[in-house]
Amino acid sequence: MALLGASVAIAASASAWPSAAWAAPSVEAEPVARGLDRPVAFTFDPAGRIWYVEKDTGEVRVLDPAGGSDRRFVRVPGVNGEGERGMLGIALHPRYPRKPLVYVFATRSADGGLRNQILRYRDEDGAGVARRVLVSTPASASPYHNGGRILFGPDGNLYAIVGDGHDPSNAQELAGELRGKILRLTPNGGTPRNNPFRDRVFAYGIRNSFGFAFDPRTGRLWQTENGPACNDEVNLIRRGRNYGWGPSASCAGASPGDTNRDGPNPVRPKDLYVEPIGITGIAFCERCGLGRRSEGAALWGSVSEGTVTRARLNARRDDVARRTIVYRHPQGTLSLEVGPDGRVYFSDFDGIYVLRRG
């Protein structure tokens, strides 16, 4: 599924998976900023300012909703925004602004070719300086499946998704191949001592993911994964595990597990859309103002349908018990993030919005 906003119809999931219900509209979206240029990823600083990236221009910008200002922090050179390439992720150091470090994921021309890179800048008086490359891996000839989500975890390490580059064999290759992986690295770009493969790979068998988030109640990592012509997934990511995408994956014959069957001991998803929705960002509601039924739930988006889905977890918080569509947006819903006020925000291709109770 491409991050391009193509329309795909939602169909009911197979009976083995939670059914998707449509509730009377219980959630509304209030614009925070409109007229933006493809803000496919954003985050917040402790003061409530929104740091966002422009997918195609390579700009990192800082929006102050309280004061109304919107200024450029830095423009990353050489960004290629074709297809699913571009500026795709942003994170701030967990101790920002005391540690004034800003991290971005970009597909850009570097070292004689196209690379997917994680870059770090220092914030010096509101401008990005001292660029440092923390991760650099080849971007494929195809402009699709680049990943790009980056996020600091509760352990203080930086997590990142690198897509398979439109080549499923990359997802199962562990010898020096970062495509098709979830990475975990230190804030300086090193390998944490307890990583499973003595490098920066944390999990593998990944296809084309735009979203992950940590459950604030358990610290567990949940990930949304785009399938091919079938099987968008929601996965519970565990250290060193294989999530099964690879060269023998197939939608033909239509067994829901046919896209999770490569490599050793492939992990099955916790939720699955047999007919894909173009699943995107994910965030958790903790006192987010959306009502009792949303407390503790995961929310995820859809680039194809413009929906926000609420997923309630089981008592152990290790599986999806029920999901309900609670909001439909005129455009695709892209990144979902929790602000300092606890509320859940999302972006579309030209704005950022906050979800509130209808």
Protein backbone atom coordinates (compact mmCIF):
# COMPACT_ATOMS: atom_id res chain seq x y z
CA MET A 1 0.00 0.00 0.00
CA ALA A 2 1.53 3.31 -1.07
CA LEU A 3 1.50 6.46 1.07
CA LEU A 4 -0.21 8.33 -1.77
CA GLY A 5 -3.88 8.49 -0.80
CA ALA A 6 -5.28 6.03 -3.33
CA SER A 7 -8.79 4.82 -2.54
CA VAL A 8 -9.27 1.25 -1.36
CA ALA A 9 -12.57 -0.13 -0.05
CA ILE A 10 -12.79 -1.53 3.47
CA ALA A 11 -14.16 -5.03 3.74
CA ALA A 12 -14.84 -7.20 6.77
CA SER A 13 -11.91 -9.07 8.20
CA ALA A 14 -11.77 -12.84 8.31
CA SER A 15 -13.70 -14.35 11.21
CA ALA A 16 -10.49 -15.18 13.09
CA TRP A 17 -9.83 -11.46 13.61
CA PRO A 18 -11.72 -8.75 15.51
CA SER A 19 -14.58 -7.43 13.40
CA ALA A 20 -14.58 -3.76 12.46
CA ALA A 21 -17.64 -1.93 13.73
CA TRP A 22 -18.83 1.51 12.69
CA ALA A 23 -20.14 3.61 15.55
CA ALA A 24 -22.17 6.77 15.31
CA PRO A 25 -19.59 9.56 15.03
CA SER A 26 -18.23 9.93 18.55
CA VAL A 27 -15.03 11.80 17.72
CA GLU A 28 -14.44 15.04 15.84
CA ALA A 29 -11.27 16.67 14.51
CA GLU A 30 -10.38 20.29 15.22
CA PRO A 31 -7.80 21.92 12.93
CA VAL A 32 -4.58 23.04 14.55
CA ALA A 33 -2.94 24.20 11.31
CA ARG A 34 -3.94 24.00 7.66
CA GLY A 35 -2.19 24.87 4.43
CA LEU A 36 0.92 22.85 5.31
CA ASP A 37 3.04 21.04 2.72
CA ARG A 38 2.66 17.24 3.22
CA PRO A 39 3.42 17.08 6.97
CA VAL A 40 3.67 13.29 7.05
CA ALA A 41 5.46 13.19 10.42
CA PHE A 42 5.44 15.43 13.49
CA THR A 43 6.22 15.48 17.19
CA PHE A 44 5.95 17.81 20.19
CA ASP A 45 8.42 19.51 22.48
CA PRO A 46 7.61 20.02 26.19
CA ALA A 47 6.40 23.57 25.51
CA GLY A 48 3.71 22.27 23.15
CA ARG A 49 5.35 23.39 19.92
CA ILE A 50 4.86 21.03 16.97
CA TRP A 51 7.93 19.97 15.04
CA TYR A 52 6.99 18.64 11.62
CA VAL A 53 8.65 17.62 8.38
CA GLU A 54 7.64 18.41 4.83
CA LYS A 55 7.89 15.17 2.89
CA ASP A 56 9.05 16.59 -0.44
CA THR A 57 10.92 19.80 0.39
CA GLY A 58 13.16 18.39 3.13
CA GLU A 59 12.21 21.16 5.53
CA VAL A 60 11.90 20.67 9.28
CA ARG A 61 9.54 23.29 10.66
CA VAL A 62 8.40 24.39 14.12
CA LEU A 63 4.79 25.40 14.61
CA ASP A 64 3.70 27.26 17.74
CA PRO A 65 -0.08 26.79 18.04
CA ALA A 66 -0.29 29.28 20.90
CA GLY A 67 1.55 32.10 19.17
CA GLY A 68 0.68 31.24 15.58
CA SER A 69 4.27 31.22 14.29
CA ASP A 70 5.59 28.62 11.83
CA ARG A 71 9.30 28.82 11.13
CA ARG A 72 11.94 26.74 9.41
CA PHE A 73 14.43 24.92 11.63
CA VAL A 74 16.54 23.38 8.87
CA ARG A 75 16.30 22.23 5.28
CA VAL A 76 17.89 18.82 4.76
CA PRO A 77 19.76 18.84 1.44
CA GLY A 78 19.25 16.31 -1.33
CA VAL A 79 15.86 14.94 -0.21
CA ASN A 80 14.06 12.85 -2.84
CA GLY A 81 10.27 12.88 -2.34
CA GLU A 82 9.28 10.55 -5.18
CA GLY A 83 6.65 7.95 -4.23
CA GLU A 84 7.12 6.99 -0.57
CA ARG A 85 10.57 8.57 -0.35
CA GLY A 86 11.25 11.86 1.36
CA MET A 87 11.39 13.32 4.84
CA LEU A 88 9.50 10.63 6.71
CA GLY A 89 10.19 10.83 10.44
CA ILE A 90 11.15 13.17 13.27
CA ALA A 91 11.95 12.78 16.97
CA LEU A 92 13.40 14.97 19.71
CA HIS A 93 15.87 13.77 22.32
CA PRO A 94 13.92 12.63 25.43
CA ARG A 95 15.63 15.38 27.46
CA TYR A 96 15.02 18.17 24.95
CA PRO A 97 15.60 21.12 25.33
CA ARG A 98 18.31 20.37 27.90
CA LYS A 99 19.73 18.01 25.24
CA PRO A 100 18.89 20.11 22.16
CA LEU A 101 19.06 17.27 19.63
CA VAL A 102 16.65 16.73 16.73
CA TYR A 103 16.50 13.47 14.73
CA VAL A 104 15.03 12.99 11.26
CA PHE A 105 14.62 10.13 8.80
CA ALA A 106 15.14 11.10 5.16
CA THR A 107 15.57 9.52 1.75
CA ARG A 108 18.26 11.64 0.14
CA SER A 109 21.15 11.74 -2.29
CA ALA A 110 24.34 11.03 -0.36
CA ASP A 111 27.59 9.14 -0.86
CA GLY A 112 27.02 8.83 -4.59
CA GLY A 113 23.52 7.33 -4.43
CA LEU A 114 20.10 7.39 -2.82
CA ARG A 115 20.16 6.49 0.87
CA ASN A 116 17.68 6.14 3.69
CA GLN A 117 19.34 7.96 6.56
CA ILE A 118 18.73 8.91 10.16
CA LEU A 119 20.29 12.32 10.76
CA ARG A 120 20.83 14.23 13.96
CA TYR A 121 20.95 18.03 14.25
CA ARG A 122 21.72 20.27 17.20
CA ASP A 123 19.27 23.08 17.90
CA GLU A 124 21.34 26.24 18.16
CA ASP A 125 19.20 29.34 18.70
CA GLY A 126 16.35 27.83 16.68
CA ALA A 127 18.45 26.61 13.74
CA GLY A 128 19.63 23.10 12.92
CA VAL A 129 23.43 22.78 12.91
CA ALA A 130 26.13 20.11 13.21
CA ARG A 131 24.41 17.48 11.07
CA ARG A 132 25.52 13.96 11.90
CA VAL A 133 24.59 10.76 10.03
CA LEU A 134 23.63 8.01 12.48
CA VAL A 135 22.26 5.42 10.01
CA SER A 136 22.73 5.17 6.25
CA THR A 137 21.40 2.31 4.15
CA PRO A 138 20.71 2.07 0.40
CA ALA A 139 17.30 3.13 -0.87
CA SER A 140 16.09 0.79 -3.58
CA ALA A 141 15.50 1.71 -7.22
CA SER A 142 11.78 1.51 -6.48
CA PRO A 143 10.48 4.62 -4.69
CA TYR A 144 8.31 2.55 -2.36
CA HIS A 145 8.61 0.78 1.01
CA ASN A 146 11.02 3.13 2.75
CA GLY A 147 9.43 3.16 6.21
CA GLY A 148 10.61 6.23 8.10
CA ARG A 149 8.92 6.26 11.51
CA ILE A 150 11.33 7.12 14.34
CA LEU A 151 10.51 7.35 18.04
CA PHE A 152 12.31 7.24 21.36
CA GLY A 153 11.24 4.37 23.59
CA PRO A 154 10.81 4.26 27.36
CA ASP A 155 14.32 2.77 27.55
CA GLY A 156 15.81 5.99 26.12
CA ASN A 157 16.82 4.36 22.83
CA LEU A 158 15.76 5.47 19.36
CA TYR A 159 13.57 3.06 17.40
CA ALA A 160 13.15 3.27 13.62
CA ILE A 161 11.43 1.40 10.81
CA VAL A 162 13.19 0.83 7.51
CA GLY A 163 10.96 -0.67 4.80
CA ASP A 164 12.05 -3.57 2.60
CA GLY A 165 12.70 -1.30 -0.39
CA HIS A 166 10.12 -3.17 -2.50
CA ASP A 167 12.24 -6.32 -2.32
CA PRO A 168 10.80 -8.85 0.16
CA SER A 169 14.05 -10.82 0.37
CA ASN A 170 15.60 -7.88 2.26
CA ALA A 171 13.21 -8.44 5.16
CA GLN A 172 14.68 -11.88 5.97
CA GLU A 173 18.34 -11.01 5.36
CA LEU A 174 20.19 -10.39 8.64
CA ALA A 175 23.75 -10.16 7.35
CA GLY A 176 24.34 -6.42 7.17
CA GLU A 177 20.95 -5.58 5.64
CA LEU A 178 18.90 -2.92 7.46
CA ARG A 179 15.96 -2.84 5.04
CA GLY A 180 12.85 -4.67 6.21
CA LYS A 181 13.78 -4.15 9.88
CA ILE A 182 12.90 -2.33 13.06
CA LEU A 183 16.08 -0.77 14.41
CA ARG A 184 17.04 0.23 17.92
CA LEU A 185 20.01 2.54 18.47
CA THR A 186 21.41 4.72 21.20
CA PRO A 187 20.90 8.49 20.98
CA ASN A 188 24.43 8.72 19.55
CA GLY A 189 23.72 6.08 16.89
CA GLY A 190 25.42 3.12 18.58
CA THR A 191 24.18 -0.40 19.27
CA PRO A 192 22.53 -0.98 22.66
CA ARG A 193 24.22 -3.81 24.56
CA ASN A 194 21.09 -5.98 24.74
CA ASN A 195 20.13 -5.79 21.08
CA PRO A 196 19.45 -9.33 19.81
CA PHE A 197 21.82 -9.55 16.82
CA ARG A 198 24.87 -7.56 17.97
CA ASP A 199 23.92 -4.76 15.60
CA ARG A 200 21.13 -2.19 15.46
CA VAL A 201 18.44 -4.62 14.25
CA PHE A 202 15.72 -5.14 16.87
CA ALA A 203 13.15 -7.16 14.83
CA TYR A 204 12.85 -8.26 11.21
CA GLY A 205 10.45 -9.59 8.59
CA ILE A 206 8.96 -6.10 8.08
CA ARG A 207 7.42 -4.93 4.80
CA ASN A 208 6.18 -1.35 4.58
CA SER A 209 5.31 0.25 7.88
CA PHE A 210 4.49 3.85 8.75
CA GLY A 211 3.55 3.55 12.40
CA PHE A 212 4.50 2.26 15.82
CA ALA A 213 3.92 3.38 19.39
CA PHE A 214 4.66 2.21 22.92
CA ASP A 215 1.76 1.23 25.17
CA PRO A 216 2.17 3.60 28.14
CA ARG A 217 0.72 1.01 30.52
CA THR A 218 3.08 -1.86 29.62
CA GLY A 219 5.95 -0.32 27.63
CA ARG A 220 5.27 -2.80 24.81
CA LEU A 221 5.82 -1.77 21.19
CA TRP A 222 2.86 -1.98 18.79
CA GLN A 223 3.35 -1.58 15.05
CA THR A 224 1.09 -1.09 12.02
CA GLU A 225 2.14 -2.84 8.82
CA ASN A 226 0.94 -2.40 5.26
CA GLY A 227 0.36 -5.62 3.35
CA PRO A 228 0.43 -6.00 -0.43
CA ALA A 229 -3.05 -6.48 -1.99
CA CYS A 230 -4.12 -8.08 1.29
CA ASN A 231 -3.40 -8.27 4.99
CA ASP A 232 -2.70 -4.95 6.62
CA GLU A 233 -1.51 -5.87 10.12
CA VAL A 234 -1.21 -4.70 13.70
CA ASN A 235 1.74 -6.37 15.42
CA LEU A 236 3.07 -6.60 18.95
CA ILE A 237 6.81 -6.25 18.43
CA ARG A 238 9.21 -8.22 20.59
CA ARG A 239 12.98 -8.21 20.69
CA GLY A 240 14.65 -10.44 18.09
CA ARG A 241 11.43 -11.81 16.57
CA ASN A 242 10.63 -12.43 12.91
CA TYR A 243 7.37 -10.95 11.59
CA GLY A 244 7.29 -13.22 8.59
CA TRP A 245 7.34 -11.00 5.52
CA GLY A 246 9.53 -12.42 2.78
CA PRO A 247 9.79 -13.69 -0.80
CA SER A 248 7.20 -16.49 -0.49
CA ALA A 249 4.43 -14.18 0.78
CA SER A 250 1.30 -14.31 -1.34
CA CYS A 251 -2.27 -13.02 -1.48
CA ALA A 252 -3.27 -15.85 -3.83
CA GLY A 253 -5.35 -18.52 -2.11
CA ALA A 254 -6.16 -15.97 0.58
CA SER A 255 -5.09 -17.65 3.79
CA PRO A 256 -4.67 -14.74 6.24
CA GLY A 257 -1.24 -16.07 7.21
CA ASP A 258 0.19 -16.15 3.71
CA THR A 259 1.99 -12.86 4.24
CA ASN A 260 3.60 -14.06 7.52
CA ARG A 261 5.23 -17.34 6.55
CA ASP A 262 8.89 -16.66 5.75
CA GLY A 263 11.88 -17.39 7.93
CA PRO A 264 12.10 -19.08 11.32
CA ASN A 265 9.13 -19.00 13.71
CA PRO A 266 7.21 -16.15 12.06
CA VAL A 267 5.00 -14.16 14.43
CA ARG A 268 1.35 -13.80 13.56
CA PRO A 269 -0.29 -10.37 13.75
CA LYS A 270 -2.59 -9.37 16.60
CA ASP A 271 -5.07 -7.83 14.17
CA LEU A 272 -5.39 -8.05 10.42
CA TYR A 273 -7.38 -6.47 7.59
CA VAL A 274 -7.73 -9.05 4.82
CA GLU A 275 -8.74 -6.16 2.53
CA PRO A 276 -6.12 -3.46 3.15
CA ILE A 277 -6.97 0.04 4.37
CA GLY A 278 -3.54 1.62 3.99
CA ILE A 279 -2.93 1.52 7.74
CA THR A 280 -0.74 4.35 9.04
CA GLY A 281 0.12 5.88 12.43
CA ILE A 282 -0.82 4.51 15.85
CA ALA A 283 -1.13 6.19 19.26
CA PHE A 284 -2.56 5.33 22.69
CA CYS A 285 -5.28 7.19 24.56
CA GLU A 286 -4.51 7.91 28.21
CA ARG A 287 -6.80 10.64 29.54
CA CYS A 288 -6.97 11.92 25.98
CA GLY A 289 -10.46 13.39 26.34
CA LEU A 290 -12.28 10.99 24.02
CA GLY A 291 -14.47 9.34 26.64
CA ARG A 292 -14.46 6.25 28.82
CA ARG A 293 -14.50 3.74 25.95
CA SER A 294 -11.30 5.19 24.52
CA GLU A 295 -9.29 5.09 27.75
CA GLY A 296 -6.33 2.75 27.28
CA ALA A 297 -7.26 2.05 23.66
CA ALA A 298 -4.99 2.20 20.64
CA LEU A 299 -5.98 4.49 17.77
CA TRP A 300 -4.71 4.07 14.23
CA GLY A 301 -5.17 5.80 10.89
CA SER A 302 -5.77 4.94 7.24
CA VAL A 303 -4.34 6.74 4.23
CA SER A 304 -6.90 5.13 1.91
CA GLU A 305 -10.07 5.60 3.95
CA GLY A 306 -9.32 8.60 6.14
CA THR A 307 -10.55 6.71 9.19
CA VAL A 308 -9.45 6.68 12.80
CA THR A 309 -10.02 3.27 14.39
CA ARG A 310 -10.22 2.68 18.12
CA ALA A 311 -8.89 -0.72 19.23
CA ARG A 312 -9.57 -1.94 22.74
CA LEU A 313 -7.05 -4.45 24.06
CA ASN A 314 -7.67 -7.55 26.15
CA ALA A 315 -7.07 -7.64 29.90
CA ARG A 316 -3.41 -8.69 29.46
CA ARG A 317 -2.92 -5.94 26.88
CA ASP A 318 -1.26 -8.35 24.50
CA ASP A 319 -4.04 -8.70 21.89
CA VAL A 320 -6.77 -6.71 20.16
CA ALA A 321 -10.22 -7.49 21.56
CA ARG A 322 -12.42 -5.19 19.49
CA ARG A 323 -12.03 -2.37 17.02
CA THR A 324 -14.43 0.41 16.07
CA ILE A 325 -14.19 3.18 13.50
CA VAL A 326 -14.80 6.38 15.45
CA TYR A 327 -13.95 9.10 12.90
CA ARG A 328 -13.83 9.61 9.14
CA HIS A 329 -11.72 12.38 7.64
CA PRO A 330 -11.96 13.85 4.12
CA GLN A 331 -8.31 12.95 3.46
CA GLY A 332 -6.05 10.13 4.54
CA THR A 333 -5.10 10.15 8.22
CA LEU A 334 -1.31 9.83 8.43
CA SER A 335 0.79 10.22 11.59
CA LEU A 336 -0.90 9.98 15.00
CA GLU A 337 0.85 11.50 18.01
CA VAL A 338 0.06 12.28 21.65
CA GLY A 339 0.64 15.87 22.68
CA PRO A 340 1.89 17.16 26.05
CA ASP A 341 -1.77 17.78 26.94
CA GLY A 342 -2.51 14.05 26.52
CA ARG A 343 -4.75 14.59 23.51
CA VAL A 344 -4.29 12.68 20.27
CA TYR A 345 -3.32 14.60 17.13
CA PHE A 346 -3.05 13.48 13.52
CA SER A 347 -1.82 14.85 10.21
CA ASP A 348 -3.16 14.65 6.69
CA PHE A 349 -1.43 15.87 3.54
CA ASP A 350 -1.98 19.57 4.28
CA GLY A 351 -2.70 19.97 7.98
CA ILE A 352 -2.50 18.86 11.60
CA TYR A 353 -5.62 18.24 13.71
CA VAL A 354 -6.54 17.30 17.27
CA LEU A 355 -9.18 14.70 18.08
CA ARG A 356 -11.91 15.65 20.53
CA ARG A 357 -15.11 14.15 21.77
CA GLY A 358 -18.07 14.75 19.45
